[in-house]
Amino acid sequence: MVPIIILVVVLIIVIWCISTVNGFKKKDIRVQEGLSGVEVALTKRYDMLTKMLDTAKGYMAHENDLFTKVIELRRGMSVEEMNTAVQQMDSLSGKFFAVAEGYPELRSSDVFVELQRGIRDAEEHLQAARRLYNVRVT
């Protein structure tokens, strides 16, 4: 009877050790998954911000060149030449109204708004990944 009790106690201790080790391994895997989520969010944020910033810089450079060219063209025109050009534009299109400074529509502000929205989304995603990591570590 004593050997059976000892065998049962040893068997219970072995099962407890195995389940405890497996539980720690599962928790470690969850922590590693959470850390991987944070790393993915950081990589995504870096890639997205780099691409959006390059796009915004491109738009800024384009609009700067455009304004510079428009100003240079208008600087060389006399008032009479400007009036002639305005009259020609009016005759070609009756639907458009002549404006003293008819600059083209700027798009970089839209790009900057999109950049800010992307930054906010990336930060929210990163915060969610960090919260998940912290929960799993706890």
Protein backbone atom coordinates (compact mmCIF):
# COMPACT_ATOMS: atom_id res chain seq x y z
CA MET A 1 0.00 0.00 0.00
CA VAL A 2 2.83 2.45 0.84
CA PRO A 3 4.54 1.95 -2.55
CA ILE A 4 1.26 2.74 -4.34
CA ILE A 5 0.81 5.95 -2.30
CA ILE A 6 4.42 6.97 -3.06
CA LEU A 7 3.88 6.19 -6.76
CA VAL A 8 0.66 8.25 -6.80
CA VAL A 9 2.38 11.21 -5.03
CA VAL A 10 5.33 11.05 -7.43
CA LEU A 11 2.94 10.81 -10.40
CA ILE A 12 1.00 13.86 -9.13
CA ILE A 13 4.24 15.83 -8.68
CA VAL A 14 5.43 14.87 -12.21
CA ILE A 15 2.07 15.84 -13.76
CA TRP A 16 2.10 19.14 -11.81
CA CYS A 17 5.69 19.88 -12.99
CA ILE A 18 4.84 19.09 -16.61
CA SER A 19 1.67 21.22 -16.57
CA THR A 20 3.50 24.09 -14.85
CA VAL A 21 6.36 24.02 -17.38
CA ASN A 22 3.85 23.85 -20.26
CA GLY A 23 1.93 26.79 -18.76
CA PHE A 24 5.12 28.86 -18.54
CA LYS A 25 5.99 27.95 -22.14
CA LYS A 26 2.53 29.02 -23.34
CA LYS A 27 2.82 32.30 -21.49
CA ASP A 28 6.33 32.87 -22.88
CA ILE A 29 5.03 32.24 -26.39
CA ARG A 30 2.21 34.76 -25.83
CA VAL A 31 4.72 37.33 -24.57
CA GLN A 32 6.89 36.75 -27.64
CA GLU A 33 3.82 37.15 -29.89
CA GLY A 34 3.01 40.43 -28.15
CA LEU A 35 6.57 41.65 -28.60
CA SER A 36 6.43 40.62 -32.25
CA GLY A 37 3.25 42.69 -32.62
CA VAL A 38 5.04 45.73 -31.22
CA GLU A 39 7.97 45.19 -33.59
CA VAL A 40 5.59 44.86 -36.56
CA ALA A 41 3.79 48.07 -35.53
CA LEU A 42 7.11 49.93 -35.21
CA THR A 43 8.26 48.70 -38.63
CA LYS A 44 4.91 49.61 -40.20
CA ARG A 45 5.03 53.07 -38.64
CA TYR A 46 8.58 53.69 -39.84
CA ASP A 47 7.86 52.52 -43.40
CA MET A 48 4.60 54.44 -43.65
CA LEU A 49 6.01 57.64 -42.21
CA THR A 50 9.07 57.50 -44.46
CA LYS A 51 6.97 57.02 -47.59
CA MET A 52 4.41 59.67 -46.65
CA LEU A 53 7.10 62.16 -45.73
CA ASP A 54 8.83 61.63 -49.07
CA THR A 55 5.51 62.16 -50.84
CA ALA A 56 4.82 65.35 -48.89
CA LYS A 57 8.31 66.64 -49.66
CA GLY A 58 7.72 65.91 -53.35
CA TYR A 59 4.47 67.88 -53.34
CA MET A 60 6.14 70.76 -51.51
CA ALA A 61 8.99 70.87 -54.01
CA HIS A 62 6.56 70.71 -56.94
CA GLU A 63 4.42 73.55 -55.59
CA ASN A 64 7.48 75.63 -54.77
CA ASP A 65 8.72 75.21 -58.34
CA LEU A 66 5.24 75.98 -59.67
CA PHE A 67 4.94 79.21 -57.68
CA THR A 68 8.45 80.24 -58.66
CA LYS A 69 7.70 79.67 -62.34
CA VAL A 70 4.36 81.53 -62.18
CA ILE A 71 5.98 84.49 -60.45
CA GLU A 72 8.86 84.52 -62.95
CA LEU A 73 6.46 84.44 -65.88
CA ARG A 74 4.34 87.24 -64.48
CA ARG A 75 7.37 89.31 -63.54
CA GLY A 76 8.41 89.54 -67.19
CA MET A 77 4.94 90.56 -68.40
CA SER A 78 3.80 94.10 -68.69
CA VAL A 79 0.36 95.15 -67.51
CA GLU A 80 -0.79 95.28 -71.11
CA GLU A 81 0.43 91.73 -71.78
CA MET A 82 -1.30 90.50 -68.64
CA ASN A 83 -4.56 92.12 -69.74
CA THR A 84 -4.26 90.56 -73.20
CA ALA A 85 -3.64 87.13 -71.66
CA VAL A 86 -6.67 87.55 -69.37
CA GLN A 87 -8.86 88.59 -72.31
CA GLN A 88 -7.73 85.54 -74.29
CA MET A 89 -8.54 83.23 -71.40
CA ASP A 90 -11.97 84.88 -71.01
CA SER A 91 -12.74 84.44 -74.68
CA LEU A 92 -11.71 80.77 -74.62
CA SER A 93 -13.83 79.91 -71.62
CA GLY A 94 -16.89 81.93 -70.72
CA LYS A 95 -17.49 79.80 -67.65
CA PHE A 96 -14.34 80.81 -65.85
CA PHE A 97 -13.92 84.12 -64.11
CA ALA A 98 -10.60 85.88 -64.33
CA VAL A 99 -8.90 86.30 -60.97
CA ALA A 100 -6.06 88.72 -60.34
CA GLU A 101 -3.80 85.92 -59.05
CA GLY A 102 -5.12 82.70 -60.57
CA TYR A 103 -2.74 80.24 -58.98
CA PRO A 104 -3.34 76.53 -59.48
CA GLU A 105 -5.00 74.55 -56.70
CA LEU A 106 -2.51 73.40 -54.10
CA ARG A 107 -2.52 69.74 -53.07
CA SER A 108 0.28 69.54 -50.51
CA SER A 109 -2.08 70.56 -47.71
CA ASP A 110 -4.15 67.45 -48.47
CA VAL A 111 -0.98 65.37 -48.39
CA PHE A 112 -0.02 66.85 -45.02
CA VAL A 113 -3.50 66.12 -43.64
CA GLU A 114 -3.13 62.53 -44.87
CA LEU A 115 0.34 62.39 -43.31
CA GLN A 116 -1.05 63.52 -39.97
CA ARG A 117 -3.88 60.98 -40.21
CA GLY A 118 -1.37 58.24 -41.02
CA ILE A 119 0.81 59.23 -38.08
CA ARG A 120 -2.20 59.13 -35.76
CA ASP A 121 -3.30 55.70 -37.06
CA ALA A 122 0.21 54.28 -36.76
CA GLU A 123 0.52 55.57 -33.20
CA GLU A 124 -2.85 54.09 -32.24
CA HIS A 125 -1.85 50.73 -33.73
CA LEU A 126 1.44 50.85 -31.87
CA GLN A 127 -0.29 51.72 -28.59
CA ALA A 128 -2.68 48.78 -29.05
CA ALA A 129 0.25 46.43 -29.70
CA ARG A 130 2.04 47.73 -26.59
CA ARG A 131 -1.07 47.28 -24.46
CA LEU A 132 -1.45 43.71 -25.70
CA TYR A 133 2.23 43.05 -24.95
CA ASN A 134 1.88 44.49 -21.45
CA VAL A 135 -1.21 42.37 -20.76
CA ARG A 136 0.59 39.26 -21.88
CA VAL A 137 3.66 40.05 -19.82
CA THR A 138 1.51 40.65 -16.77
